[in-house]
Amino acid sequence: MALSRRMLTPTDLWWDAPRLESLFHPMELEVSPFGAMNSYETKDGTAVVHIDLPGVKKEDVEISHEHGTVTIKARRQTKFGDDDTTEESYSEITRSFTIPDKVFNVEQAEAVLTDGVLKISIPKLPEDKAPKTNISVQ
């Protein structure tokens, strides 16, 4: 099977504008670590979540908890250019994860943003505070 080659027309360029735009901004083609998430539990039972948020300021991060779901929203705005031309880049990301309210103490959670990495630590409830329910068999 032979491959055919043809010349690009202005219409081809218009339809392929997003690809062509990336030629002018090659850094946008790179895979971005923005929002990559990793989670683990420490030996003492604390749930720890790391989220990569390079270029995000702490005032642009919002963390909420509702019905066992923790949601992180982050916004990043970047300006670059010189005196003649200035370009802006705006990114927003939302990440969510569920955490059992009866096992972890979300009210004692701590969040720290350091060097573009958000670390959320949620301690485990003590064994005696964790609710235990007996269900009778009939």
N, C-alpha and C. Protein backbone atom coordinates (compact mmCIF):
# COMPACT_ATOMS: atom_id res chain seq x y z
N MET A 1 0.84 -1.17 0.00
CA MET A 1 0.00 0.00 0.00
C MET A 1 0.90 1.24 0.00
N ALA A 2 0.62 2.14 -0.87
CA ALA A 2 1.42 3.35 -1.00
C ALA A 2 0.75 4.50 -0.26
N LEU A 3 1.56 5.31 0.36
CA LEU A 3 1.05 6.50 1.03
C LEU A 3 1.02 7.65 0.04
N SER A 4 -0.02 8.39 0.02
CA SER A 4 -0.09 9.53 -0.89
C SER A 4 0.28 10.81 -0.15
N ARG A 5 0.92 11.70 -0.86
CA ARG A 5 1.29 13.00 -0.30
C ARG A 5 0.59 14.08 -1.10
N ARG A 6 0.14 15.10 -0.43
CA ARG A 6 -0.44 16.23 -1.12
C ARG A 6 -0.06 17.49 -0.37
N MET A 7 -0.20 18.58 -1.02
CA MET A 7 0.14 19.86 -0.44
C MET A 7 -0.97 20.34 0.49
N LEU A 8 -0.61 20.99 1.58
CA LEU A 8 -1.60 21.55 2.49
C LEU A 8 -2.24 22.79 1.88
N THR A 9 -3.52 22.89 2.03
CA THR A 9 -4.24 24.08 1.56
C THR A 9 -4.57 24.95 2.77
N PRO A 10 -4.96 26.22 2.55
CA PRO A 10 -5.36 27.06 3.68
C PRO A 10 -6.50 26.46 4.50
N THR A 11 -7.39 25.72 3.85
CA THR A 11 -8.48 25.06 4.58
C THR A 11 -7.93 24.02 5.54
N ASP A 12 -6.93 23.26 5.09
CA ASP A 12 -6.31 22.27 5.97
C ASP A 12 -5.73 22.94 7.20
N LEU A 13 -5.10 24.08 7.01
CA LEU A 13 -4.49 24.78 8.13
C LEU A 13 -5.54 25.26 9.11
N TRP A 14 -6.68 25.75 8.60
CA TRP A 14 -7.74 26.23 9.47
C TRP A 14 -8.31 25.10 10.31
N TRP A 15 -8.56 23.94 9.70
CA TRP A 15 -9.13 22.81 10.42
C TRP A 15 -8.16 22.24 11.44
N ASP A 16 -6.90 22.40 11.20
CA ASP A 16 -5.89 21.82 12.09
C ASP A 16 -5.27 22.90 12.97
N ALA A 17 -6.03 23.96 13.26
CA ALA A 17 -5.51 25.09 14.03
C ALA A 17 -4.97 24.71 15.41
N PRO A 18 -5.63 23.82 16.19
CA PRO A 18 -5.05 23.48 17.50
C PRO A 18 -3.66 22.87 17.40
N ARG A 19 -3.45 22.02 16.39
CA ARG A 19 -2.13 21.40 16.23
C ARG A 19 -1.11 22.46 15.83
N LEU A 20 -1.52 23.34 14.93
CA LEU A 20 -0.60 24.39 14.49
C LEU A 20 -0.29 25.36 15.61
N GLU A 21 -1.27 25.63 16.46
CA GLU A 21 -1.03 26.52 17.59
C GLU A 21 0.04 25.94 18.51
N SER A 22 0.03 24.62 18.65
CA SER A 22 1.03 23.99 19.52
C SER A 22 2.43 24.13 18.95
N LEU A 23 2.55 24.35 17.65
CA LEU A 23 3.88 24.57 17.07
C LEU A 23 4.47 25.88 17.54
N PHE A 24 3.61 26.86 17.80
CA PHE A 24 4.07 28.16 18.26
C PHE A 24 4.33 28.16 19.77
N HIS A 25 3.76 27.21 20.47
CA HIS A 25 3.94 27.09 21.92
C HIS A 25 4.35 25.66 22.23
N PRO A 26 5.57 25.26 21.87
CA PRO A 26 5.96 23.86 22.05
C PRO A 26 5.94 23.39 23.49
N MET A 27 6.07 24.29 24.47
CA MET A 27 6.06 23.85 25.86
C MET A 27 4.71 23.29 26.26
N GLU A 28 3.64 23.66 25.55
CA GLU A 28 2.32 23.13 25.87
C GLU A 28 2.15 21.69 25.43
N LEU A 29 3.05 21.19 24.59
CA LEU A 29 2.98 19.81 24.14
C LEU A 29 3.49 18.83 25.19
N GLU A 30 4.29 19.33 26.12
CA GLU A 30 4.86 18.45 27.14
C GLU A 30 3.76 17.93 28.06
N VAL A 31 3.98 16.74 28.59
CA VAL A 31 3.04 16.20 29.55
C VAL A 31 3.22 16.96 30.85
N SER A 32 2.14 17.53 31.35
CA SER A 32 2.21 18.36 32.54
C SER A 32 1.94 17.53 33.79
N PRO A 33 2.75 17.74 34.83
CA PRO A 33 2.49 17.04 36.08
C PRO A 33 1.39 17.71 36.89
N PHE A 34 0.76 18.74 36.35
CA PHE A 34 -0.26 19.51 37.05
C PHE A 34 -1.41 18.60 37.46
N GLY A 35 -1.56 18.41 38.75
CA GLY A 35 -2.67 17.61 39.25
C GLY A 35 -2.38 16.15 39.49
N ALA A 36 -1.15 15.69 39.24
CA ALA A 36 -0.84 14.29 39.52
C ALA A 36 -1.02 14.04 41.01
N MET A 37 -1.64 12.91 41.36
CA MET A 37 -2.00 12.65 42.76
C MET A 37 -1.45 11.30 43.21
N ASN A 38 -0.97 11.26 44.45
CA ASN A 38 -0.45 10.04 45.06
C ASN A 38 -0.98 9.99 46.49
N SER A 39 -1.39 8.81 46.93
CA SER A 39 -1.91 8.70 48.30
C SER A 39 -1.36 7.44 48.96
N TYR A 40 -1.25 7.50 50.29
CA TYR A 40 -0.79 6.36 51.07
C TYR A 40 -1.24 6.54 52.51
N GLU A 41 -1.09 5.49 53.30
CA GLU A 41 -1.41 5.53 54.72
C GLU A 41 -0.13 5.27 55.50
N THR A 42 0.14 6.12 56.50
CA THR A 42 1.35 5.97 57.29
C THR A 42 1.16 4.85 58.32
N LYS A 43 2.24 4.52 59.04
CA LYS A 43 2.18 3.45 60.05
C LYS A 43 1.21 3.77 61.18
N ASP A 44 1.07 5.07 61.51
CA ASP A 44 0.14 5.44 62.58
C ASP A 44 -1.30 5.58 62.08
N GLY A 45 -1.53 5.29 60.79
CA GLY A 45 -2.88 5.30 60.24
C GLY A 45 -3.32 6.60 59.60
N THR A 46 -2.44 7.58 59.52
CA THR A 46 -2.78 8.84 58.90
C THR A 46 -2.84 8.68 57.38
N ALA A 47 -3.93 9.14 56.77
CA ALA A 47 -4.04 9.13 55.32
C ALA A 47 -3.32 10.37 54.79
N VAL A 48 -2.42 10.19 53.83
CA VAL A 48 -1.65 11.29 53.26
C VAL A 48 -1.88 11.31 51.75
N VAL A 49 -2.17 12.49 51.23
CA VAL A 49 -2.38 12.67 49.80
C VAL A 49 -1.46 13.78 49.32
N HIS A 50 -0.69 13.51 48.26
CA HIS A 50 0.17 14.50 47.63
C HIS A 50 -0.41 14.82 46.26
N ILE A 51 -0.54 16.10 45.94
CA ILE A 51 -1.02 16.53 44.63
C ILE A 51 -0.02 17.55 44.07
N ASP A 52 0.47 17.30 42.87
CA ASP A 52 1.41 18.22 42.23
C ASP A 52 0.65 19.41 41.66
N LEU A 53 0.98 20.60 42.16
CA LEU A 53 0.34 21.84 41.72
C LEU A 53 1.41 22.90 41.44
N PRO A 54 2.28 22.67 40.46
CA PRO A 54 3.34 23.65 40.20
C PRO A 54 2.77 24.98 39.73
N GLY A 55 3.32 26.05 40.27
CA GLY A 55 2.89 27.39 39.87
C GLY A 55 1.61 27.87 40.52
N VAL A 56 1.05 27.11 41.46
CA VAL A 56 -0.20 27.49 42.12
C VAL A 56 0.12 28.15 43.46
N LYS A 57 -0.55 29.26 43.74
CA LYS A 57 -0.39 29.94 45.03
C LYS A 57 -1.41 29.37 46.01
N LYS A 58 -1.08 29.43 47.30
CA LYS A 58 -1.98 28.82 48.30
C LYS A 58 -3.35 29.47 48.33
N GLU A 59 -3.44 30.76 47.97
CA GLU A 59 -4.76 31.41 47.95
C GLU A 59 -5.60 30.96 46.76
N ASP A 60 -5.01 30.25 45.82
CA ASP A 60 -5.75 29.73 44.66
C ASP A 60 -6.13 28.26 44.82
N VAL A 61 -6.00 27.74 46.04
CA VAL A 61 -6.38 26.36 46.32
C VAL A 61 -7.58 26.36 47.26
N GLU A 62 -8.57 25.55 46.92
CA GLU A 62 -9.78 25.42 47.75
C GLU A 62 -9.99 23.93 48.04
N ILE A 63 -10.11 23.59 49.31
CA ILE A 63 -10.32 22.20 49.72
C ILE A 63 -11.63 22.13 50.50
N SER A 64 -12.48 21.19 50.11
CA SER A 64 -13.76 21.04 50.80
C SER A 64 -14.02 19.56 51.08
N HIS A 65 -14.90 19.30 52.04
CA HIS A 65 -15.28 17.94 52.41
C HIS A 65 -16.79 17.89 52.56
N GLU A 66 -17.39 16.93 51.87
CA GLU A 66 -18.83 16.78 51.95
C GLU A 66 -19.21 15.32 51.66
N HIS A 67 -19.97 14.73 52.56
CA HIS A 67 -20.48 13.36 52.41
C HIS A 67 -19.36 12.35 52.09
N GLY A 68 -18.25 12.46 52.80
CA GLY A 68 -17.17 11.49 52.62
C GLY A 68 -16.29 11.73 51.41
N THR A 69 -16.47 12.84 50.71
CA THR A 69 -15.65 13.15 49.54
C THR A 69 -14.87 14.44 49.79
N VAL A 70 -13.56 14.36 49.63
CA VAL A 70 -12.69 15.53 49.73
C VAL A 70 -12.44 16.02 48.31
N THR A 71 -12.68 17.31 48.08
CA THR A 71 -12.50 17.90 46.75
C THR A 71 -11.48 19.02 46.82
N ILE A 72 -10.52 18.98 45.89
CA ILE A 72 -9.48 20.00 45.80
C ILE A 72 -9.66 20.72 44.47
N LYS A 73 -9.78 22.04 44.52
CA LYS A 73 -9.85 22.85 43.31
C LYS A 73 -8.65 23.79 43.33
N ALA A 74 -7.94 23.87 42.21
CA ALA A 74 -6.77 24.74 42.13
C ALA A 74 -6.79 25.50 40.80
N ARG A 75 -6.34 26.75 40.85
CA ARG A 75 -6.27 27.58 39.66
C ARG A 75 -4.84 28.11 39.51
N ARG A 76 -4.41 28.20 38.26
CA ARG A 76 -3.07 28.70 37.97
C ARG A 76 -3.16 29.65 36.79
N GLN A 77 -2.58 30.82 36.93
CA GLN A 77 -2.55 31.79 35.84
C GLN A 77 -1.11 32.20 35.62
N THR A 78 -0.68 32.12 34.36
CA THR A 78 0.69 32.43 34.01
C THR A 78 0.70 33.49 32.93
N LYS A 79 1.54 34.49 33.08
CA LYS A 79 1.72 35.51 32.05
C LYS A 79 3.16 35.45 31.59
N PHE A 80 3.34 35.55 30.27
CA PHE A 80 4.69 35.58 29.74
C PHE A 80 4.71 36.43 28.48
N GLY A 81 5.87 36.90 28.12
CA GLY A 81 6.02 37.74 26.94
C GLY A 81 6.92 38.91 27.23
N ASP A 82 6.90 39.86 26.30
CA ASP A 82 7.72 41.06 26.47
C ASP A 82 6.82 42.29 26.41
N ASP A 83 7.41 43.46 26.19
CA ASP A 83 6.64 44.70 26.17
C ASP A 83 5.64 44.75 25.02
N ASP A 84 5.99 44.15 23.89
CA ASP A 84 5.12 44.21 22.71
C ASP A 84 3.98 43.20 22.76
N THR A 85 4.26 42.02 23.22
CA THR A 85 3.22 40.98 23.28
C THR A 85 3.25 40.29 24.63
N THR A 86 2.09 40.12 25.18
CA THR A 86 1.95 39.41 26.45
C THR A 86 0.89 38.34 26.26
N GLU A 87 1.20 37.13 26.70
CA GLU A 87 0.24 36.05 26.60
C GLU A 87 -0.07 35.54 28.00
N GLU A 88 -1.30 35.07 28.17
CA GLU A 88 -1.72 34.52 29.45
C GLU A 88 -2.15 33.08 29.27
N SER A 89 -1.83 32.29 30.25
CA SER A 89 -2.26 30.89 30.27
C SER A 89 -3.03 30.69 31.56
N TYR A 90 -4.20 30.05 31.47
CA TYR A 90 -5.05 29.85 32.64
C TYR A 90 -5.40 28.37 32.73
N SER A 91 -5.16 27.76 33.87
CA SER A 91 -5.46 26.35 34.08
C SER A 91 -6.26 26.20 35.36
N GLU A 92 -7.18 25.27 35.35
CA GLU A 92 -7.95 24.96 36.55
C GLU A 92 -8.09 23.44 36.62
N ILE A 93 -7.99 22.93 37.83
CA ILE A 93 -8.06 21.49 37.99
C ILE A 93 -8.89 21.17 39.23
N THR A 94 -9.60 20.07 39.17
CA THR A 94 -10.37 19.58 40.30
C THR A 94 -10.03 18.11 40.50
N ARG A 95 -9.70 17.76 41.71
CA ARG A 95 -9.42 16.35 42.07
C ARG A 95 -10.28 16.02 43.29
N SER A 96 -10.83 14.81 43.31
CA SER A 96 -11.65 14.37 44.44
C SER A 96 -11.24 12.96 44.84
N PHE A 97 -11.40 12.67 46.12
CA PHE A 97 -11.21 11.31 46.61
C PHE A 97 -12.16 11.09 47.78
N THR A 98 -12.55 9.85 47.96
CA THR A 98 -13.45 9.52 49.07
C THR A 98 -12.64 9.03 50.25
N ILE A 99 -13.17 9.32 51.43
CA ILE A 99 -12.51 8.89 52.65
C ILE A 99 -13.61 8.57 53.66
N PRO A 100 -13.55 7.41 54.30
CA PRO A 100 -14.61 7.04 55.24
C PRO A 100 -14.61 7.93 56.48
N ASP A 101 -15.71 8.64 56.69
CA ASP A 101 -15.83 9.55 57.83
C ASP A 101 -15.75 8.82 59.17
N LYS A 102 -16.16 7.56 59.19
CA LYS A 102 -16.19 6.81 60.45
C LYS A 102 -14.82 6.25 60.83
N VAL A 103 -13.85 6.39 59.91
CA VAL A 103 -12.50 5.88 60.18
C VAL A 103 -11.50 7.02 60.33
N PHE A 104 -11.66 8.08 59.54
CA PHE A 104 -10.72 9.18 59.55
C PHE A 104 -11.37 10.45 60.10
N ASN A 105 -10.57 11.24 60.83
CA ASN A 105 -11.03 12.47 61.45
C ASN A 105 -10.75 13.65 60.50
N VAL A 106 -11.68 13.93 59.61
CA VAL A 106 -11.49 14.97 58.60
C VAL A 106 -11.40 16.35 59.25
N GLU A 107 -12.03 16.54 60.41
CA GLU A 107 -11.97 17.83 61.10
C GLU A 107 -10.55 18.17 61.56
N GLN A 108 -9.70 17.17 61.73
CA GLN A 108 -8.32 17.40 62.15
C GLN A 108 -7.34 17.40 60.97
N ALA A 109 -7.85 17.42 59.74
CA ALA A 109 -7.00 17.38 58.55
C ALA A 109 -6.15 18.64 58.45
N GLU A 110 -4.96 18.47 57.89
CA GLU A 110 -4.04 19.58 57.66
C GLU A 110 -3.62 19.57 56.20
N ALA A 111 -3.47 20.75 55.62
CA ALA A 111 -3.01 20.87 54.24
C ALA A 111 -1.88 21.88 54.18
N VAL A 112 -0.80 21.51 53.49
CA VAL A 112 0.37 22.38 53.36
C VAL A 112 0.79 22.38 51.89
N LEU A 113 1.01 23.58 51.32
CA LEU A 113 1.49 23.70 49.95
C LEU A 113 2.94 24.15 50.00
N THR A 114 3.85 23.28 49.58
CA THR A 114 5.27 23.57 49.61
C THR A 114 5.90 23.19 48.28
N ASP A 115 6.60 24.14 47.66
CA ASP A 115 7.31 23.91 46.41
C ASP A 115 6.43 23.24 45.35
N GLY A 116 5.18 23.67 45.24
CA GLY A 116 4.30 23.15 44.19
C GLY A 116 3.67 21.81 44.49
N VAL A 117 3.82 21.31 45.71
CA VAL A 117 3.20 20.04 46.10
C VAL A 117 2.27 20.29 47.28
N LEU A 118 1.00 19.94 47.09
CA LEU A 118 0.02 20.05 48.17
C LEU A 118 -0.01 18.73 48.93
N LYS A 119 0.21 18.81 50.24
CA LYS A 119 0.18 17.62 51.09
C LYS A 119 -1.00 17.75 52.05
N ILE A 120 -1.91 16.78 51.96
CA ILE A 120 -3.07 16.74 52.85
C ILE A 120 -2.89 15.54 53.77
N SER A 121 -2.94 15.77 55.08
CA SER A 121 -2.82 14.71 56.07
C SER A 121 -4.12 14.62 56.86
N ILE A 122 -4.71 13.42 56.91
CA ILE A 122 -5.96 13.21 57.62
C ILE A 122 -5.75 12.10 58.63
N PRO A 123 -5.74 12.42 59.94
CA PRO A 123 -5.47 11.40 60.95
C PRO A 123 -6.64 10.42 61.10
N LYS A 124 -6.28 9.23 61.53
CA LYS A 124 -7.27 8.19 61.78
C LYS A 124 -7.90 8.42 63.15
N LEU A 125 -9.18 8.10 63.27
CA LEU A 125 -9.85 8.18 64.57
C LEU A 125 -9.28 7.10 65.49
N PRO A 126 -9.15 7.40 66.79
CA PRO A 126 -8.72 6.35 67.72
C PRO A 126 -9.72 5.19 67.70
N GLU A 127 -9.23 4.00 67.97
CA GLU A 127 -10.08 2.79 67.94
C GLU A 127 -11.31 2.94 68.83
N ASP A 128 -11.13 3.56 70.02
CA ASP A 128 -12.26 3.68 70.93
C ASP A 128 -13.29 4.72 70.46
N LYS A 129 -12.90 5.62 69.57
CA LYS A 129 -13.81 6.64 69.06
C LYS A 129 -14.53 6.18 67.79
N ALA A 130 -13.96 5.20 67.12
CA ALA A 130 -14.60 4.71 65.90
C ALA A 130 -15.92 4.04 66.28
N PRO A 131 -16.99 4.42 65.62
CA PRO A 131 -18.31 3.85 65.97
C PRO A 131 -18.37 2.36 65.64
N LYS A 132 -18.97 1.63 66.56
CA LYS A 132 -19.16 0.19 66.38
C LYS A 132 -20.65 -0.09 66.53
N THR A 133 -21.18 -0.82 65.59
CA THR A 133 -22.60 -1.12 65.60
C THR A 133 -22.79 -2.63 65.58
N ASN A 134 -23.56 -3.12 66.51
CA ASN A 134 -23.92 -4.53 66.51
C ASN A 134 -25.26 -4.68 65.82
N ILE A 135 -25.34 -5.68 64.96
CA ILE A 135 -26.57 -5.94 64.23
C ILE A 135 -27.09 -7.29 64.68
N SER A 136 -28.33 -7.29 65.13
CA SER A 136 -28.91 -8.54 65.62
C SER A 136 -29.40 -9.40 64.45
N VAL A 137 -29.23 -10.68 64.61
CA VAL A 137 -29.68 -11.64 63.61
C VAL A 137 -31.03 -12.17 64.02
N GLN A 138 -31.96 -12.20 63.09
CA GLN A 138 -33.30 -12.67 63.40
C GLN A 138 -33.64 -13.92 62.63
